[in-house]
Amino acid sequence: MWLQSPILKENWKALSFNYSKDTGEMVDRLILESDKFTQKRIKKGTLTNQDYDDISANFKVIFR
């Protein structure tokens, strides 16, 4: 849930240089995916385990 934090979203671009490129890209993607939870919560009022599973199932990490 911390990825939905307005404080993180406002400051991530300024702070991301402290992390590796891979970490920065992953956090950027996680923030975008977390926005889907927020949008769904606004529509439905609450989220179910299935909602989390549906969104999480589409998030893939490819290790190099």
PDB file of N, CA and C in Angstrom:
ATOM      1  N   MET A   1       0.806  -1.203   0.000  1.00  0.00           N
ATOM      2  CA  MET A   1       0.000   0.000   0.000  1.00  0.00           C
ATOM      3  C   MET A   1       0.854   1.274   0.000  1.00  0.00           C
ATOM      4  N   TRP A   2       2.111   1.162   0.428  1.00  0.00           N
ATOM      5  CA  TRP A   2       2.942   2.356   0.467  1.00  0.00           C
ATOM      6  C   TRP A   2       3.169   2.911  -0.928  1.00  0.00           C
ATOM      7  N   LEU A   3       3.000   2.089  -1.968  1.00  0.00           N
ATOM      8  CA  LEU A   3       3.167   2.582  -3.334  1.00  0.00           C
ATOM      9  C   LEU A   3       2.056   3.539  -3.741  1.00  0.00           C
ATOM     10  N   GLN A   4       0.969   3.539  -3.002  1.00  0.00           N
ATOM     11  CA  GLN A   4      -0.128   4.460  -3.286  1.00  0.00           C
ATOM     12  C   GLN A   4       0.021   5.772  -2.526  1.00  0.00           C
ATOM     13  N   SER A   5       1.073   5.901  -1.767  1.00  0.00           N
ATOM     14  CA  SER A   5       1.309   7.098  -0.958  1.00  0.00           C
ATOM     15  C   SER A   5       1.543   8.321  -1.838  1.00  0.00           C
ATOM     16  N   PRO A   6       0.765   9.383  -1.629  1.00  0.00           N
ATOM     17  CA  PRO A   6       1.000  10.622  -2.382  1.00  0.00           C
ATOM     18  C   PRO A   6       2.405  11.174  -2.139  1.00  0.00           C
ATOM     19  N   ILE A   7       2.925  10.981  -0.955  1.00  0.00           N
ATOM     20  CA  ILE A   7       4.269  11.475  -0.633  1.00  0.00           C
ATOM     21  C   ILE A   7       5.307  10.762  -1.497  1.00  0.00           C
ATOM     22  N   LEU A   8       5.196   9.441  -1.604  1.00  0.00           N
ATOM     23  CA  LEU A   8       6.126   8.692  -2.455  1.00  0.00           C
ATOM     24  C   LEU A   8       5.984   9.129  -3.906  1.00  0.00           C
ATOM     25  N   LYS A   9       4.755   9.194  -4.391  1.00  0.00           N
ATOM     26  CA  LYS A   9       4.531   9.555  -5.787  1.00  0.00           C
ATOM     27  C   LYS A   9       5.071  10.944  -6.112  1.00  0.00           C
ATOM     28  N   GLU A  10       4.929  11.873  -5.205  1.00  0.00           N
ATOM     29  CA  GLU A  10       5.410  13.237  -5.432  1.00  0.00           C
ATOM     30  C   GLU A  10       6.937  13.316  -5.421  1.00  0.00           C
ATOM     31  N   ASN A  11       7.581  12.464  -4.644  1.00  0.00           N
ATOM     32  CA  ASN A  11       9.026  12.585  -4.450  1.00  0.00           C
ATOM     33  C   ASN A  11       9.856  11.521  -5.151  1.00  0.00           C
ATOM     34  N   TRP A  12       9.236  10.495  -5.702  1.00  0.00           N
ATOM     35  CA  TRP A  12       9.993   9.384  -6.272  1.00  0.00           C
ATOM     36  C   TRP A  12      10.935   9.829  -7.381  1.00  0.00           C
ATOM     37  N   LYS A  13      10.479  10.663  -8.288  1.00  0.00           N
ATOM     38  CA  LYS A  13      11.346  11.091  -9.404  1.00  0.00           C
ATOM     39  C   LYS A  13      12.607  11.780  -8.884  1.00  0.00           C
ATOM     40  N   ALA A  14      12.475  12.573  -7.854  1.00  0.00           N
ATOM     41  CA  ALA A  14      13.636  13.279  -7.301  1.00  0.00           C
ATOM     42  C   ALA A  14      14.552  12.334  -6.535  1.00  0.00           C
ATOM     43  N   LEU A  15      13.994  11.267  -5.959  1.00  0.00           N
ATOM     44  CA  LEU A  15      14.781  10.359  -5.129  1.00  0.00           C
ATOM     45  C   LEU A  15      15.307   9.134  -5.879  1.00  0.00           C
ATOM     46  N   SER A  16      14.732   8.845  -7.016  1.00  0.00           N
ATOM     47  CA  SER A  16      15.046   7.581  -7.699  1.00  0.00           C
ATOM     48  C   SER A  16      16.503   7.473  -8.133  1.00  0.00           C
ATOM     49  N   PHE A  17      17.203   8.586  -8.293  1.00  0.00           N
ATOM     50  CA  PHE A  17      18.594   8.521  -8.714  1.00  0.00           C
ATOM     51  C   PHE A  17      19.470   7.774  -7.695  1.00  0.00           C
ATOM     52  N   ASN A  18      18.989   7.652  -6.473  1.00  0.00           N
ATOM     53  CA  ASN A  18      19.736   6.955  -5.429  1.00  0.00           C
ATOM     54  C   ASN A  18      19.754   5.438  -5.621  1.00  0.00           C
ATOM     55  N   TYR A  19      18.945   4.943  -6.543  1.00  0.00           N
ATOM     56  CA  TYR A  19      18.778   3.506  -6.728  1.00  0.00           C
ATOM     57  C   TYR A  19      19.255   3.103  -8.113  1.00  0.00           C
ATOM     58  N   SER A  20      19.475   1.820  -8.294  1.00  0.00           N
ATOM     59  CA  SER A  20      19.899   1.344  -9.607  1.00  0.00           C
ATOM     60  C   SER A  20      18.791   1.573 -10.631  1.00  0.00           C
ATOM     61  N   LYS A  21      19.172   1.547 -11.894  1.00  0.00           N
ATOM     62  CA  LYS A  21      18.198   1.732 -12.971  1.00  0.00           C
ATOM     63  C   LYS A  21      17.103   0.673 -12.897  1.00  0.00           C
ATOM     64  N   ASP A  22      17.503  -0.572 -12.659  1.00  0.00           N
ATOM     65  CA  ASP A  22      16.523  -1.663 -12.572  1.00  0.00           C
ATOM     66  C   ASP A  22      15.530  -1.437 -11.442  1.00  0.00           C
ATOM     67  N   THR A  23      16.022  -1.015 -10.290  1.00  0.00           N
ATOM     68  CA  THR A  23      15.143  -0.753  -9.154  1.00  0.00           C
ATOM     69  C   THR A  23      14.201   0.398  -9.477  1.00  0.00           C
ATOM     70  N   GLY A  24      14.735   1.445 -10.089  1.00  0.00           N
ATOM     71  CA  GLY A  24      13.901   2.588 -10.468  1.00  0.00           C
ATOM     72  C   GLY A  24      12.789   2.193 -11.423  1.00  0.00           C
ATOM     73  N   GLU A  25      13.131   1.368 -12.413  1.00  0.00           N
ATOM     74  CA  GLU A  25      12.119   0.925 -13.380  1.00  0.00           C
ATOM     75  C   GLU A  25      11.058   0.056 -12.701  1.00  0.00           C
ATOM     76  N   MET A  26      11.498  -0.804 -11.789  1.00  0.00           N
ATOM     77  CA  MET A  26      10.540  -1.665 -11.107  1.00  0.00           C
ATOM     78  C   MET A  26       9.592  -0.838 -10.225  1.00  0.00           C
ATOM     79  N   VAL A  27      10.125   0.121  -9.491  1.00  0.00           N
ATOM     80  CA  VAL A  27       9.271   0.956  -8.636  1.00  0.00           C
ATOM     81  C   VAL A  27       8.310   1.771  -9.501  1.00  0.00           C
ATOM     82  N   ASP A  28       8.786   2.297 -10.630  1.00  0.00           N
ATOM     83  CA  ASP A  28       7.891   3.029 -11.538  1.00  0.00           C
ATOM     84  C   ASP A  28       6.724   2.141 -11.964  1.00  0.00           C
ATOM     85  N   ARG A  29       7.025   0.895 -12.332  1.00  0.00           N
ATOM     86  CA  ARG A  29       5.975  -0.034 -12.751  1.00  0.00           C
ATOM     87  C   ARG A  29       5.041  -0.374 -11.598  1.00  0.00           C
ATOM     88  N   LEU A  30       5.604  -0.571 -10.415  1.00  0.00           N
ATOM     89  CA  LEU A  30       4.771  -0.884  -9.253  1.00  0.00           C
ATOM     90  C   LEU A  30       3.828   0.267  -8.910  1.00  0.00           C
ATOM     91  N   ILE A  31       4.316   1.490  -9.034  1.00  0.00           N
ATOM     92  CA  ILE A  31       3.458   2.649  -8.777  1.00  0.00           C
ATOM     93  C   ILE A  31       2.311   2.677  -9.787  1.00  0.00           C
ATOM     94  N   LEU A  32       2.624   2.432 -11.053  1.00  0.00           N
ATOM     95  CA  LEU A  32       1.564   2.412 -12.067  1.00  0.00           C
ATOM     96  C   LEU A  32       0.536   1.319 -11.776  1.00  0.00           C
ATOM     97  N   GLU A  33       1.014   0.149 -11.399  1.00  0.00           N
ATOM     98  CA  GLU A  33       0.095  -0.948 -11.086  1.00  0.00           C
ATOM     99  C   GLU A  33      -0.731  -0.640  -9.837  1.00  0.00           C
ATOM    100  N   SER A  34      -0.124   0.010  -8.859  1.00  0.00           N
ATOM    101  CA  SER A  34      -0.863   0.328  -7.636  1.00  0.00           C
ATOM    102  C   SER A  34      -1.988   1.318  -7.922  1.00  0.00           C
ATOM    103  N   ASP A  35      -1.803   2.142  -8.950  1.00  0.00           N
ATOM    104  CA  ASP A  35      -2.870   3.066  -9.335  1.00  0.00           C
ATOM    105  C   ASP A  35      -4.132   2.323  -9.766  1.00  0.00           C
ATOM    106  N   LYS A  36      -3.948   1.128 -10.310  1.00  0.00           N
ATOM    107  CA  LYS A  36      -5.107   0.319 -10.707  1.00  0.00           C
ATOM    108  C   LYS A  36      -5.937  -0.066  -9.484  1.00  0.00           C
ATOM    109  N   PHE A  37      -5.275  -0.341  -8.372  1.00  0.00           N
ATOM    110  CA  PHE A  37      -6.002  -0.644  -7.132  1.00  0.00           C
ATOM    111  C   PHE A  37      -6.822   0.562  -6.686  1.00  0.00           C
ATOM    112  N   THR A  38      -6.203   1.731  -6.748  1.00  0.00           N
ATOM    113  CA  THR A  38      -6.891   2.948  -6.345  1.00  0.00           C
ATOM    114  C   THR A  38      -8.120   3.187  -7.215  1.00  0.00           C
ATOM    115  N   GLN A  39      -7.952   3.055  -8.522  1.00  0.00           N
ATOM    116  CA  GLN A  39      -9.074   3.263  -9.443  1.00  0.00           C
ATOM    117  C   GLN A  39     -10.194   2.265  -9.179  1.00  0.00           C
ATOM    118  N   LYS A  40      -9.826   1.018  -8.963  1.00  0.00           N
ATOM    119  CA  LYS A  40     -10.837  -0.004  -8.711  1.00  0.00           C
ATOM    120  C   LYS A  40     -11.536   0.240  -7.381  1.00  0.00           C
ATOM    121  N   ARG A  41     -10.792   0.678  -6.368  1.00  0.00           N
ATOM    122  CA  ARG A  41     -11.386   0.961  -5.061  1.00  0.00           C
ATOM    123  C   ARG A  41     -12.373   2.122  -5.159  1.00  0.00           C
ATOM    124  N   ILE A  42     -12.051   3.130  -5.956  1.00  0.00           N
ATOM    125  CA  ILE A  42     -12.957   4.267  -6.143  1.00  0.00           C
ATOM    126  C   ILE A  42     -14.258   3.788  -6.798  1.00  0.00           C
ATOM    127  N   LYS A  43     -14.129   2.914  -7.786  1.00  0.00           N
ATOM    128  CA  LYS A  43     -15.322   2.399  -8.480  1.00  0.00           C
ATOM    129  C   LYS A  43     -16.190   1.518  -7.592  1.00  0.00           C
ATOM    130  N   LYS A  44     -15.539   0.601  -6.860  1.00  0.00           N
ATOM    131  CA  LYS A  44     -16.273  -0.422  -6.110  1.00  0.00           C
ATOM    132  C   LYS A  44     -16.508  -0.071  -4.646  1.00  0.00           C
ATOM    133  N   GLY A  45     -15.677   0.796  -4.099  1.00  0.00           N
ATOM    134  CA  GLY A  45     -15.783   1.136  -2.689  1.00  0.00           C
ATOM    135  C   GLY A  45     -14.885   0.291  -1.805  1.00  0.00           C
ATOM    136  N   THR A  46     -14.652  -0.938  -2.208  1.00  0.00           N
ATOM    137  CA  THR A  46     -13.768  -1.832  -1.455  1.00  0.00           C
ATOM    138  C   THR A  46     -13.192  -2.858  -2.422  1.00  0.00           C
ATOM    139  N   LEU A  47     -12.088  -3.441  -2.046  1.00  0.00           N
ATOM    140  CA  LEU A  47     -11.443  -4.442  -2.898  1.00  0.00           C
ATOM    141  C   LEU A  47     -11.548  -5.826  -2.269  1.00  0.00           C
ATOM    142  N   THR A  48     -11.660  -6.808  -3.124  1.00  0.00           N
ATOM    143  CA  THR A  48     -11.691  -8.197  -2.671  1.00  0.00           C
ATOM    144  C   THR A  48     -10.331  -8.841  -2.942  1.00  0.00           C
ATOM    145  N   ASN A  49     -10.123 -10.005  -2.382  1.00  0.00           N
ATOM    146  CA  ASN A  49      -8.898 -10.750  -2.679  1.00  0.00           C
ATOM    147  C   ASN A  49      -8.790 -11.021  -4.170  1.00  0.00           C
ATOM    148  N   GLN A  50      -9.916 -11.261  -4.812  1.00  0.00           N
ATOM    149  CA  GLN A  50      -9.908 -11.523  -6.258  1.00  0.00           C
ATOM    150  C   GLN A  50      -9.440 -10.298  -7.034  1.00  0.00           C
ATOM    151  N   ASP A  51      -9.807  -9.108  -6.588  1.00  0.00           N
ATOM    152  CA  ASP A  51      -9.342  -7.877  -7.237  1.00  0.00           C
ATOM    153  C   ASP A  51      -7.818  -7.787  -7.175  1.00  0.00           C
ATOM    154  N   TYR A  52      -7.274  -8.072  -6.011  1.00  0.00           N
ATOM    155  CA  TYR A  52      -5.811  -8.048  -5.864  1.00  0.00           C
ATOM    156  C   TYR A  52      -5.163  -9.102  -6.750  1.00  0.00           C
ATOM    157  N   ASP A  53      -5.742 -10.281  -6.775  1.00  0.00           N
ATOM    158  CA  ASP A  53      -5.199 -11.363  -7.602  1.00  0.00           C
ATOM    159  C   ASP A  53      -5.253 -11.014  -9.083  1.00  0.00           C
ATOM    160  N   ASP A  54      -6.357 -10.425  -9.527  1.00  0.00           N
ATOM    161  CA  ASP A  54      -6.506 -10.073 -10.942  1.00  0.00           C
ATOM    162  C   ASP A  54      -5.453  -9.063 -11.388  1.00  0.00           C
ATOM    163  N   ILE A  55      -5.233  -8.056 -10.585  1.00  0.00           N
ATOM    164  CA  ILE A  55      -4.248  -7.033 -10.948  1.00  0.00           C
ATOM    165  C   ILE A  55      -2.830  -7.580 -10.803  1.00  0.00           C
ATOM    166  N   SER A  56      -2.561  -8.301  -9.735  1.00  0.00           N
ATOM    167  CA  SER A  56      -1.223  -8.842  -9.495  1.00  0.00           C
ATOM    168  C   SER A  56      -0.824  -9.878 -10.533  1.00  0.00           C
ATOM    169  N   ALA A  57      -1.781 -10.617 -11.041  1.00  0.00           N
ATOM    170  CA  ALA A  57      -1.478 -11.664 -12.024  1.00  0.00           C
ATOM    171  C   ALA A  57      -0.893 -11.084 -13.305  1.00  0.00           C
ATOM    172  N   ASN A  58      -1.185  -9.837 -13.589  1.00  0.00           N
ATOM    173  CA  ASN A  58      -0.684  -9.206 -14.811  1.00  0.00           C
ATOM    174  C   ASN A  58       0.683  -8.546 -14.635  1.00  0.00           C
ATOM    175  N   PHE A  59       1.245  -8.614 -13.441  1.00  0.00           N
ATOM    176  CA  PHE A  59       2.540  -7.991 -13.189  1.00  0.00           C
ATOM    177  C   PHE A  59       3.622  -9.059 -13.233  1.00  0.00           C
ATOM    178  N   LYS A  60       4.499  -8.939 -14.202  1.00  0.00           N
ATOM    179  CA  LYS A  60       5.574  -9.906 -14.374  1.00  0.00           C
ATOM    180  C   LYS A  60       6.912  -9.213 -14.176  1.00  0.00           C
ATOM    181  N   VAL A  61       7.835  -9.923 -13.566  1.00  0.00           N
ATOM    182  CA  VAL A  61       9.200  -9.427 -13.415  1.00  0.00           C
ATOM    183  C   VAL A  61      10.109 -10.397 -14.150  1.00  0.00           C
ATOM    184  N   ILE A  62      10.924  -9.848 -15.041  1.00  0.00           N
ATOM    185  CA  ILE A  62      11.876 -10.668 -15.782  1.00  0.00           C
ATOM    186  C   ILE A  62      13.259 -10.369 -15.229  1.00  0.00           C
ATOM    187  N   PHE A  63      13.878 -11.398 -14.700  1.00  0.00           N
ATOM    188  CA  PHE A  63      15.216 -11.246 -14.136  1.00  0.00           C
ATOM    189  C   PHE A  63      16.251 -11.415 -15.237  1.00  0.00           C
ATOM    190  N   ARG A  64      17.285 -10.597 -15.161  1.00  0.00           N
ATOM    191  CA  ARG A  64      18.355 -10.688 -16.172  1.00  0.00           C
ATOM    192  C   ARG A  64      19.501 -11.489 -15.632  1.00  0.00           C
TER     193      ARG A  64
END
